[in-house]
Every structure is written in structure tokens, then in C-alpha cells.
Amino acid sequence: MVVFLLGVLQGMIEWLPISSTGQLIVVMMNLFDVDWSTAYALAFYLHLGTMLAVVVKFNSHVKNMILTLPKFKENELSIFLIISTIFTAAAGIPLYLVLKDHFGRQHGDVITGLIGFFLILTGIILYMSKGKAGKKGSKTIKDSNKWDMIIAGAAQGVAVLPGFSRSGMTTASLLARGFNQEDALLISFLMSIPAVIGIVILEVCFVGIEVIGLSSIMIGILAAFLVGYLTIEALMRFAKKVRFDVFCIVFGMIAVLVFFVL
């Protein structure tokens, strides 16, 4: 039942730039007394559900990329995803290994405080990107260059740290590079597909699925997929009207205060 509820939560907040990974880990560690390693692994397993929702929702783009893979050099979107994924791995894997080596040694309140600090940084980045969004960039996928791909990929890699919003980091970096908001959101969603597959493979190799249980993982993934698919459009519209930069900063400050109080 707990994993199902966590899957529902993942399906709802994945589309909002508030770090679903960070939020889930804080909930699991502080409300359900789940240890850091298990909470981190489960948070990413649940991302498989929302990743599948992205695949189904944007199936035409995904199908087009698969069909054009043999001639990927002729498809700007395929090139963008390949290069950005390489730099996501280059930035994300070292951070992932550091997390695995050091976070597990920390007490739960320390981890909560660190996640809060990263949430505050996410809020600041989102606030700074608002000015870029207001300028209504005109760059499209066809206008992208290698620096756009490198910066977006590296930004996504940093989001392996719980508290940094993957969608917030990638969208903010693309807006800063002059992309229009629609293409920035589309690229951000599609970038999540190889990133999620990669991080789940790492988790299976390092942690395995026995600790959580395959049946529990599947229930969580199914819940995340169903809720994610049903809410993606509504929450994307909602995201344009709400100050999530303020939300991240306030929630991050609360998490940091919890660390100091405890």
C-alpha cells in the first residue's frame, strides 16, 4: 500500500520542477522510516512509471527517433538526445558514485538537510530562469548546437543529487540558451527516457531489487504510470501558473530547519 501511494505521488509531482526524487526520499525517510539506500533506489524505480507515461504521451516523437536511428545524423532531435545523454552520464555517474559512498553513512536528518539545501538551489535556478522564459526565446531543436546539448546534458547529470529537479535543471538550461518554452519542455521530457533507464540500470547493479521486492516495485511503477499519464497535461498547464521557485526555496528551508532542530 505504501509503495502504491508513493507511485501515485511520483506520477503527480514528476511533471513539476520540484525534484520528485528529493520529495519522495524525504517522505520515505521521515514518514515511513525507510533507510537512505532503499529510499534512493525506490525513488528511481518509480521513475520508470513516469518514463513510460512520457513514451506513450510522446509516442510519435519516440517512434520517429527509433525509426531514424540508422540515420541519426540527419535527425536533430536524435543527435541532441545522444550527445546530451553522453554528458548526463559524464556528470551524473561520478556524482552517483559519491552519493553511494558517502550519503549512506549519514544520519537521516543530515540527508534531509542536504536535500533541503539542494532544493533551495533549485528554487534559485528556477527564479533566475524566469527572466529567460519571459524573453520568449526563439531557438528550436533544429537550431540547436553542440553546446546546447552539452550544457543540458550536464545539467541533467547534476540532478542525480536528490533535491535538484531534473526537469527544472534541464528546462532552465535550455531557456538560458535561448530555446522557446515549448521545445525546451519537449526536449526535457525526452531527455528523461535514456537518463531514467541509465540510473535504474546502475541501481540494479549496485543495490538490486531484492531489498524492495519485484512485486512492490511493479505496483509502484504501475501507479506512477497511470497517474503520470492522466495528469501530465493538466500539471504542465498548472506548472506555468505557480511559483515553484518559491515552493522549492520554502520547502528546502523547512528541510534544512529540520536538520538543525533535530
C-alpha atoms as a PDB file:
ATOM      1  CA  MET A   1       0.000   0.000   0.000  1.00  0.00           C
ATOM      2  CA  VAL A   2       2.844   2.405   0.856  1.00  0.00           C
ATOM      3  CA  VAL A   3       4.619   1.747  -2.464  1.00  0.00           C
ATOM      4  CA  PHE A   4       1.343   2.315  -4.332  1.00  0.00           C
ATOM      5  CA  LEU A   5       0.881   5.706  -2.632  1.00  0.00           C
ATOM      6  CA  LEU A   6       4.482   6.617  -3.408  1.00  0.00           C
ATOM      7  CA  GLY A   7       3.839   5.709  -7.046  1.00  0.00           C
ATOM      8  CA  VAL A   8       0.787   7.994  -7.077  1.00  0.00           C
ATOM      9  CA  LEU A   9       2.900  10.800  -5.598  1.00  0.00           C
ATOM     10  CA  GLN A  10       5.618  10.247  -8.209  1.00  0.00           C
ATOM     11  CA  GLY A  11       3.037  10.304 -11.007  1.00  0.00           C
ATOM     12  CA  MET A  12       1.781  13.687  -9.848  1.00  0.00           C
ATOM     13  CA  ILE A  13       4.950  15.591  -8.982  1.00  0.00           C
ATOM     14  CA  GLU A  14       7.283  14.332 -11.724  1.00  0.00           C
ATOM     15  CA  TRP A  15       5.876  16.971 -14.087  1.00  0.00           C
ATOM     16  CA  LEU A  16       6.555  19.784 -11.633  1.00  0.00           C
ATOM     17  CA  PRO A  17      10.049  21.299 -11.226  1.00  0.00           C
ATOM     18  CA  ILE A  18      10.279  20.457  -7.528  1.00  0.00           C
ATOM     19  CA  SER A  19      12.551  17.381  -7.558  1.00  0.00           C
ATOM     20  CA  SER A  20      10.261  14.368  -7.265  1.00  0.00           C
ATOM     21  CA  THR A  21      13.283  12.301  -6.183  1.00  0.00           C
ATOM     22  CA  GLY A  22      14.072  14.646  -3.312  1.00  0.00           C
ATOM     23  CA  GLN A  23      10.436  14.867  -2.219  1.00  0.00           C
ATOM     24  CA  LEU A  24       9.989  11.087  -2.297  1.00  0.00           C
ATOM     25  CA  ILE A  25      13.167  10.454  -0.317  1.00  0.00           C
ATOM     26  CA  VAL A  26      12.197  12.989   2.359  1.00  0.00           C
ATOM     27  CA  VAL A  27       8.728  11.388   2.622  1.00  0.00           C
ATOM     28  CA  MET A  28      10.083   7.835   2.793  1.00  0.00           C
ATOM     29  CA  MET A  29      12.820   8.590   5.333  1.00  0.00           C
ATOM     30  CA  ASN A  30      10.801  10.843   7.634  1.00  0.00           C
ATOM     31  CA  LEU A  31       7.292   9.345   7.429  1.00  0.00           C
ATOM     32  CA  PHE A  32       7.968   5.674   6.737  1.00  0.00           C
ATOM     33  CA  ASP A  33      11.420   5.263   8.336  1.00  0.00           C
ATOM     34  CA  VAL A  34      12.967   3.891   5.114  1.00  0.00           C
ATOM     35  CA  ASP A  35      16.770   3.871   5.040  1.00  0.00           C
ATOM     36  CA  TRP A  36      18.629   6.159   2.605  1.00  0.00           C
ATOM     37  CA  SER A  37      19.825   3.491   0.156  1.00  0.00           C
ATOM     38  CA  THR A  38      16.395   1.863  -0.218  1.00  0.00           C
ATOM     39  CA  ALA A  39      14.610   5.224  -0.490  1.00  0.00           C
ATOM     40  CA  TYR A  40      17.010   6.430  -3.192  1.00  0.00           C
ATOM     41  CA  ALA A  41      16.688   3.212  -5.200  1.00  0.00           C
ATOM     42  CA  LEU A  42      12.886   3.095  -4.952  1.00  0.00           C
ATOM     43  CA  ALA A  43      12.592   6.750  -5.976  1.00  0.00           C
ATOM     44  CA  PHE A  44      14.356   5.961  -9.252  1.00  0.00           C
ATOM     45  CA  TYR A  45      12.490   2.694  -9.837  1.00  0.00           C
ATOM     46  CA  LEU A  46       9.267   4.699  -9.631  1.00  0.00           C
ATOM     47  CA  HIS A  47      10.642   6.985 -12.351  1.00  0.00           C
ATOM     48  CA  LEU A  48      10.217   4.048 -14.739  1.00  0.00           C
ATOM     49  CA  GLY A  49       6.457   4.546 -14.445  1.00  0.00           C
ATOM     50  CA  THR A  50       6.527   8.214 -15.384  1.00  0.00           C
ATOM     51  CA  MET A  51       9.115   7.475 -18.080  1.00  0.00           C
ATOM     52  CA  LEU A  52       6.648   5.041 -19.665  1.00  0.00           C
ATOM     53  CA  ALA A  53       3.989   7.758 -19.460  1.00  0.00           C
ATOM     54  CA  VAL A  54       6.334  10.058 -21.428  1.00  0.00           C
ATOM     55  CA  VAL A  55       6.927   7.312 -24.032  1.00  0.00           C
ATOM     56  CA  VAL A  56       3.185   6.788 -24.504  1.00  0.00           C
ATOM     57  CA  LYS A  57       2.341  10.507 -24.432  1.00  0.00           C
ATOM     58  CA  PHE A  58       5.033  11.473 -26.924  1.00  0.00           C
ATOM     59  CA  ASN A  59       4.923   8.198 -28.852  1.00  0.00           C
ATOM     60  CA  SER A  60       5.138   9.891 -32.258  1.00  0.00           C
ATOM     61  CA  HIS A  61       8.441  11.568 -31.343  1.00  0.00           C
ATOM     62  CA  VAL A  62       9.803   8.381 -29.766  1.00  0.00           C
ATOM     63  CA  LYS A  63       8.755   6.288 -32.773  1.00  0.00           C
ATOM     64  CA  ASN A  64      10.351   8.781 -35.154  1.00  0.00           C
ATOM     65  CA  MET A  65      13.628   8.699 -33.210  1.00  0.00           C
ATOM     66  CA  ILE A  66      13.718   4.897 -33.229  1.00  0.00           C
ATOM     67  CA  LEU A  67      12.990   4.705 -36.956  1.00  0.00           C
ATOM     68  CA  THR A  68      15.659   7.286 -37.771  1.00  0.00           C
ATOM     69  CA  LEU A  69      18.395   5.804 -35.547  1.00  0.00           C
ATOM     70  CA  PRO A  70      20.214   4.233 -38.533  1.00  0.00           C
ATOM     71  CA  LYS A  71      20.439   7.762 -39.975  1.00  0.00           C
ATOM     72  CA  PHE A  72      20.560   9.654 -36.668  1.00  0.00           C
ATOM     73  CA  LYS A  73      22.944  12.267 -38.096  1.00  0.00           C
ATOM     74  CA  GLU A  74      20.053  13.531 -40.207  1.00  0.00           C
ATOM     75  CA  ASN A  75      17.709  13.943 -37.219  1.00  0.00           C
ATOM     76  CA  GLU A  76      18.434  16.939 -34.975  1.00  0.00           C
ATOM     77  CA  LEU A  77      16.415  15.583 -32.050  1.00  0.00           C
ATOM     78  CA  SER A  78      18.197  12.209 -32.116  1.00  0.00           C
ATOM     79  CA  ILE A  79      21.595  13.948 -32.194  1.00  0.00           C
ATOM     80  CA  PHE A  80      20.535  16.169 -29.280  1.00  0.00           C
ATOM     81  CA  LEU A  81      19.467  13.203 -27.157  1.00  0.00           C
ATOM     82  CA  ILE A  82      22.579  11.145 -27.920  1.00  0.00           C
ATOM     83  CA  ILE A  83      25.079  13.908 -27.120  1.00  0.00           C
ATOM     84  CA  SER A  84      23.157  15.212 -24.100  1.00  0.00           C
ATOM     85  CA  THR A  85      22.899  11.658 -22.712  1.00  0.00           C
ATOM     86  CA  ILE A  86      26.665  11.201 -23.005  1.00  0.00           C
ATOM     87  CA  PHE A  87      27.244  14.347 -20.944  1.00  0.00           C
ATOM     88  CA  THR A  88      24.492  13.379 -18.497  1.00  0.00           C
ATOM     89  CA  ALA A  89      26.478  10.200 -17.844  1.00  0.00           C
ATOM     90  CA  ALA A  90      29.769  12.105 -17.652  1.00  0.00           C
ATOM     91  CA  ALA A  91      28.387  14.457 -14.989  1.00  0.00           C
ATOM     92  CA  GLY A  92      25.966  12.105 -13.273  1.00  0.00           C
ATOM     93  CA  ILE A  93      27.900   8.858 -12.782  1.00  0.00           C
ATOM     94  CA  PRO A  94      30.726  10.381 -10.660  1.00  0.00           C
ATOM     95  CA  LEU A  95      28.128  12.186  -8.514  1.00  0.00           C
ATOM     96  CA  TYR A  96      26.136   8.947  -8.223  1.00  0.00           C
ATOM     97  CA  LEU A  97      29.220   7.054  -7.006  1.00  0.00           C
ATOM     98  CA  VAL A  98      29.979   9.776  -4.443  1.00  0.00           C
ATOM     99  CA  LEU A  99      26.380   9.595  -3.207  1.00  0.00           C
ATOM    100  CA  LYS A 100      26.549   5.844  -2.839  1.00  0.00           C
ATOM    101  CA  ASP A 101      29.839   6.064  -0.982  1.00  0.00           C
ATOM    102  CA  HIS A 102      29.091   8.936   1.414  1.00  0.00           C
ATOM    103  CA  PHE A 103      25.330   9.503   1.837  1.00  0.00           C
ATOM    104  CA  GLY A 104      24.692   6.076   3.285  1.00  0.00           C
ATOM    105  CA  ARG A 105      26.993   6.914   6.203  1.00  0.00           C
ATOM    106  CA  GLN A 106      24.981   9.976   7.185  1.00  0.00           C
ATOM    107  CA  HIS A 107      22.061  10.171   9.591  1.00  0.00           C
ATOM    108  CA  GLY A 108      18.600  10.709   8.150  1.00  0.00           C
ATOM    109  CA  ASP A 109      18.372  14.289   9.415  1.00  0.00           C
ATOM    110  CA  VAL A 110      21.682  15.171   7.694  1.00  0.00           C
ATOM    111  CA  ILE A 111      20.412  13.760   4.392  1.00  0.00           C
ATOM    112  CA  THR A 112      17.144  15.669   4.811  1.00  0.00           C
ATOM    113  CA  GLY A 113      19.133  18.853   5.402  1.00  0.00           C
ATOM    114  CA  LEU A 114      21.281  18.291   2.303  1.00  0.00           C
ATOM    115  CA  ILE A 115      18.204  17.633   0.165  1.00  0.00           C
ATOM    116  CA  GLY A 116      16.722  20.854   1.541  1.00  0.00           C
ATOM    117  CA  PHE A 117      19.870  22.752   0.580  1.00  0.00           C
ATOM    118  CA  PHE A 118      19.723  21.357  -2.975  1.00  0.00           C
ATOM    119  CA  LEU A 119      16.032  22.275  -3.180  1.00  0.00           C
ATOM    120  CA  ILE A 120      16.890  25.864  -2.261  1.00  0.00           C
ATOM    121  CA  LEU A 121      19.490  25.923  -5.051  1.00  0.00           C
ATOM    122  CA  THR A 122      16.870  24.522  -7.465  1.00  0.00           C
ATOM    123  CA  GLY A 123      14.496  27.307  -6.446  1.00  0.00           C
ATOM    124  CA  ILE A 124      17.181  29.928  -7.099  1.00  0.00           C
ATOM    125  CA  ILE A 125      17.924  28.429 -10.531  1.00  0.00           C
ATOM    126  CA  LEU A 126      14.207  28.388 -11.384  1.00  0.00           C
ATOM    127  CA  TYR A 127      13.890  32.011 -10.283  1.00  0.00           C
ATOM    128  CA  MET A 128      16.808  33.034 -12.482  1.00  0.00           C
ATOM    129  CA  SER A 129      15.327  31.142 -15.458  1.00  0.00           C
ATOM    130  CA  LYS A 130      12.054  33.062 -15.189  1.00  0.00           C
ATOM    131  CA  GLY A 131      13.688  36.102 -16.756  1.00  0.00           C
ATOM    132  CA  LYS A 132      14.844  33.974 -19.656  1.00  0.00           C
ATOM    133  CA  ALA A 133      11.356  32.494 -20.080  1.00  0.00           C
ATOM    134  CA  GLY A 134       9.889  35.994 -20.138  1.00  0.00           C
ATOM    135  CA  LYS A 135      12.128  36.924 -23.063  1.00  0.00           C
ATOM    136  CA  LYS A 136      10.455  34.170 -25.113  1.00  0.00           C
ATOM    137  CA  GLY A 137      13.466  32.593 -26.805  1.00  0.00           C
ATOM    138  CA  SER A 138      13.060  31.621 -30.413  1.00  0.00           C
ATOM    139  CA  LYS A 139      15.553  28.768 -30.730  1.00  0.00           C
ATOM    140  CA  THR A 140      14.115  25.395 -31.794  1.00  0.00           C
ATOM    141  CA  ILE A 141      15.533  21.873 -31.895  1.00  0.00           C
ATOM    142  CA  LYS A 142      16.643  22.468 -35.483  1.00  0.00           C
ATOM    143  CA  ASP A 143      18.667  25.499 -34.350  1.00  0.00           C
ATOM    144  CA  SER A 144      20.457  23.657 -31.542  1.00  0.00           C
ATOM    145  CA  ASN A 145      24.224  23.293 -31.395  1.00  0.00           C
ATOM    146  CA  LYS A 146      26.617  21.055 -29.503  1.00  0.00           C
ATOM    147  CA  TRP A 147      26.979  23.493 -26.593  1.00  0.00           C
ATOM    148  CA  ASP A 148      23.211  23.383 -26.055  1.00  0.00           C
ATOM    149  CA  MET A 149      23.407  19.584 -25.877  1.00  0.00           C
ATOM    150  CA  ILE A 150      26.442  19.558 -23.592  1.00  0.00           C
ATOM    151  CA  ILE A 151      25.010  22.101 -21.134  1.00  0.00           C
ATOM    152  CA  ALA A 152      21.571  20.464 -20.998  1.00  0.00           C
ATOM    153  CA  GLY A 153      23.130  17.025 -20.561  1.00  0.00           C
ATOM    154  CA  ALA A 154      25.448  18.174 -17.772  1.00  0.00           C
ATOM    155  CA  ALA A 155      22.540  19.945 -16.038  1.00  0.00           C
ATOM    156  CA  GLN A 156      20.563  16.712 -16.110  1.00  0.00           C
ATOM    157  CA  GLY A 157      23.550  14.816 -14.715  1.00  0.00           C
ATOM    158  CA  VAL A 158      23.719  17.155 -11.700  1.00  0.00           C
ATOM    159  CA  ALA A 159      20.078  16.263 -10.976  1.00  0.00           C
ATOM    160  CA  VAL A 160      21.221  12.835  -9.783  1.00  0.00           C
ATOM    161  CA  LEU A 161      21.642  14.707  -6.489  1.00  0.00           C
ATOM    162  CA  PRO A 162      18.267  14.438  -4.695  1.00  0.00           C
ATOM    163  CA  GLY A 163      16.810  17.906  -4.336  1.00  0.00           C
ATOM    164  CA  PHE A 164      17.920  19.147  -7.736  1.00  0.00           C
ATOM    165  CA  SER A 165      14.935  18.989 -10.086  1.00  0.00           C
ATOM    166  CA  ARG A 166      15.807  17.158 -13.317  1.00  0.00           C
ATOM    167  CA  SER A 167      13.067  18.890 -15.298  1.00  0.00           C
ATOM    168  CA  GLY A 168      13.854  22.218 -13.632  1.00  0.00           C
ATOM    169  CA  MET A 169      17.590  21.976 -14.355  1.00  0.00           C
ATOM    170  CA  THR A 170      17.209  20.922 -17.981  1.00  0.00           C
ATOM    171  CA  THR A 171      14.406  23.349 -18.808  1.00  0.00           C
ATOM    172  CA  ALA A 172      16.212  26.241 -17.118  1.00  0.00           C
ATOM    173  CA  SER A 173      19.437  25.483 -19.009  1.00  0.00           C
ATOM    174  CA  LEU A 174      17.582  25.315 -22.334  1.00  0.00           C
ATOM    175  CA  LEU A 175      15.739  28.577 -21.662  1.00  0.00           C
ATOM    176  CA  ALA A 176      19.063  30.172 -20.787  1.00  0.00           C
ATOM    177  CA  ARG A 177      20.363  29.004 -24.164  1.00  0.00           C
ATOM    178  CA  GLY A 178      17.504  30.831 -25.915  1.00  0.00           C
ATOM    179  CA  PHE A 179      15.084  27.967 -26.618  1.00  0.00           C
ATOM    180  CA  ASN A 180      11.370  28.649 -26.817  1.00  0.00           C
ATOM    181  CA  GLN A 181       9.450  27.200 -23.874  1.00  0.00           C
ATOM    182  CA  GLU A 182       7.591  24.528 -25.880  1.00  0.00           C
ATOM    183  CA  ASP A 183      10.732  22.988 -27.358  1.00  0.00           C
ATOM    184  CA  ALA A 184      12.557  23.287 -24.019  1.00  0.00           C
ATOM    185  CA  LEU A 185       9.820  21.244 -22.295  1.00  0.00           C
ATOM    186  CA  LEU A 186       9.683  18.658 -25.100  1.00  0.00           C
ATOM    187  CA  ILE A 187      13.451  18.166 -25.089  1.00  0.00           C
ATOM    188  CA  SER A 188      13.470  17.932 -21.288  1.00  0.00           C
ATOM    189  CA  PHE A 189      10.815  15.207 -21.274  1.00  0.00           C
ATOM    190  CA  LEU A 190      12.529  13.170 -23.995  1.00  0.00           C
ATOM    191  CA  MET A 191      15.932  13.528 -22.321  1.00  0.00           C
ATOM    192  CA  SER A 192      14.477  11.802 -19.272  1.00  0.00           C
ATOM    193  CA  ILE A 193      13.982   8.493 -21.140  1.00  0.00           C
ATOM    194  CA  PRO A 194      17.640   7.408 -21.538  1.00  0.00           C
ATOM    195  CA  ALA A 195      18.543   9.081 -18.225  1.00  0.00           C
ATOM    196  CA  VAL A 196      15.984   7.088 -16.237  1.00  0.00           C
ATOM    197  CA  ILE A 197      16.946   3.827 -17.967  1.00  0.00           C
ATOM    198  CA  GLY A 198      20.596   4.515 -17.151  1.00  0.00           C
ATOM    199  CA  ILE A 199      20.084   5.309 -13.463  1.00  0.00           C
ATOM    200  CA  VAL A 200      17.822   2.282 -12.986  1.00  0.00           C
ATOM    201  CA  ILE A 201      20.493   0.030 -14.511  1.00  0.00           C
ATOM    202  CA  LEU A 202      23.012   1.478 -12.043  1.00  0.00           C
ATOM    203  CA  GLU A 203      20.629   0.884  -9.141  1.00  0.00           C
ATOM    204  CA  VAL A 204      20.019  -2.730 -10.199  1.00  0.00           C
ATOM    205  CA  CYS A 205      23.776  -3.297 -10.408  1.00  0.00           C
ATOM    206  CA  PHE A 206      24.605  -1.646  -7.077  1.00  0.00           C
ATOM    207  CA  VAL A 207      21.517  -2.382  -4.964  1.00  0.00           C
ATOM    208  CA  GLY A 208      19.412  -4.979  -6.794  1.00  0.00           C
ATOM    209  CA  ILE A 209      15.668  -5.379  -6.462  1.00  0.00           C
ATOM    210  CA  GLU A 210      15.614  -7.950  -3.681  1.00  0.00           C
ATOM    211  CA  VAL A 211      15.687  -5.325  -0.912  1.00  0.00           C
ATOM    212  CA  ILE A 212      12.406  -3.807  -2.096  1.00  0.00           C
ATOM    213  CA  GLY A 213      10.859  -6.783  -3.865  1.00  0.00           C
ATOM    214  CA  LEU A 214       9.864  -7.098  -7.523  1.00  0.00           C
ATOM    215  CA  SER A 215       6.118  -7.159  -6.808  1.00  0.00           C
ATOM    216  CA  SER A 216       6.300  -3.940  -4.765  1.00  0.00           C
ATOM    217  CA  ILE A 217       8.376  -2.232  -7.452  1.00  0.00           C
ATOM    218  CA  MET A 218       5.899  -3.247 -10.162  1.00  0.00           C
ATOM    219  CA  ILE A 219       2.941  -1.931  -8.129  1.00  0.00           C
ATOM    220  CA  GLY A 220       4.721   1.406  -7.656  1.00  0.00           C
ATOM    221  CA  ILE A 221       5.678   1.634 -11.341  1.00  0.00           C
ATOM    222  CA  LEU A 222       2.104   0.885 -12.430  1.00  0.00           C
ATOM    223  CA  ALA A 223       0.687   3.542 -10.104  1.00  0.00           C
ATOM    224  CA  ALA A 224       3.259   6.113 -11.297  1.00  0.00           C
ATOM    225  CA  PHE A 225       2.491   5.304 -14.947  1.00  0.00           C
ATOM    226  CA  LEU A 226      -1.293   5.541 -14.638  1.00  0.00           C
ATOM    227  CA  VAL A 227      -1.315   8.716 -12.546  1.00  0.00           C
ATOM    228  CA  GLY A 228       1.519  10.247 -14.561  1.00  0.00           C
ATOM    229  CA  TYR A 229      -0.209   9.662 -17.888  1.00  0.00           C
ATOM    230  CA  LEU A 230      -3.533  11.017 -16.620  1.00  0.00           C
ATOM    231  CA  THR A 231      -2.032  14.143 -15.053  1.00  0.00           C
ATOM    232  CA  ILE A 232       0.783  15.165 -17.396  1.00  0.00           C
ATOM    233  CA  GLU A 233      -1.162  17.725 -19.447  1.00  0.00           C
ATOM    234  CA  ALA A 234      -3.042  19.258 -16.512  1.00  0.00           C
ATOM    235  CA  LEU A 235       0.066  19.554 -14.358  1.00  0.00           C
ATOM    236  CA  MET A 236       2.105  21.024 -17.216  1.00  0.00           C
ATOM    237  CA  ARG A 237      -0.524  23.758 -17.549  1.00  0.00           C
ATOM    238  CA  PHE A 238      -0.572  24.152 -13.766  1.00  0.00           C
ATOM    239  CA  ALA A 239       3.219  24.458 -13.708  1.00  0.00           C
ATOM    240  CA  LYS A 240       3.049  27.575 -15.865  1.00  0.00           C
ATOM    241  CA  LYS A 241       0.903  29.405 -13.295  1.00  0.00           C
ATOM    242  CA  VAL A 242       2.606  28.561  -9.993  1.00  0.00           C
ATOM    243  CA  ARG A 243       5.801  29.933  -8.450  1.00  0.00           C
ATOM    244  CA  PHE A 244       7.687  26.675  -7.998  1.00  0.00           C
ATOM    245  CA  ASP A 245      10.877  28.582  -7.358  1.00  0.00           C
ATOM    246  CA  VAL A 246       9.266  29.857  -4.147  1.00  0.00           C
ATOM    247  CA  PHE A 247       7.953  26.367  -3.314  1.00  0.00           C
ATOM    248  CA  CYS A 248      11.430  24.826  -3.645  1.00  0.00           C
ATOM    249  CA  ILE A 249      13.053  27.524  -1.522  1.00  0.00           C
ATOM    250  CA  VAL A 250      10.401  27.324   1.229  1.00  0.00           C
ATOM    251  CA  PHE A 251      10.302  23.517   1.305  1.00  0.00           C
ATOM    252  CA  GLY A 252      14.096  23.429   1.210  1.00  0.00           C
ATOM    253  CA  MET A 253      14.309  25.843   4.151  1.00  0.00           C
ATOM    254  CA  ILE A 254      11.906  23.653   6.137  1.00  0.00           C
ATOM    255  CA  ALA A 255      14.068  20.597   5.440  1.00  0.00           C
ATOM    256  CA  VAL A 256      17.203  22.491   6.481  1.00  0.00           C
ATOM    257  CA  LEU A 257      15.472  23.666   9.680  1.00  0.00           C
ATOM    258  CA  VAL A 258      14.540  20.051  10.446  1.00  0.00           C
ATOM    259  CA  PHE A 259      18.234  19.194  10.261  1.00  0.00           C
ATOM    260  CA  PHE A 260      19.225  21.964  12.706  1.00  0.00           C
ATOM    261  CA  VAL A 261      16.345  21.257  15.117  1.00  0.00           C
ATOM    262  CA  LEU A 262      16.950  17.522  15.200  1.00  0.00           C
END
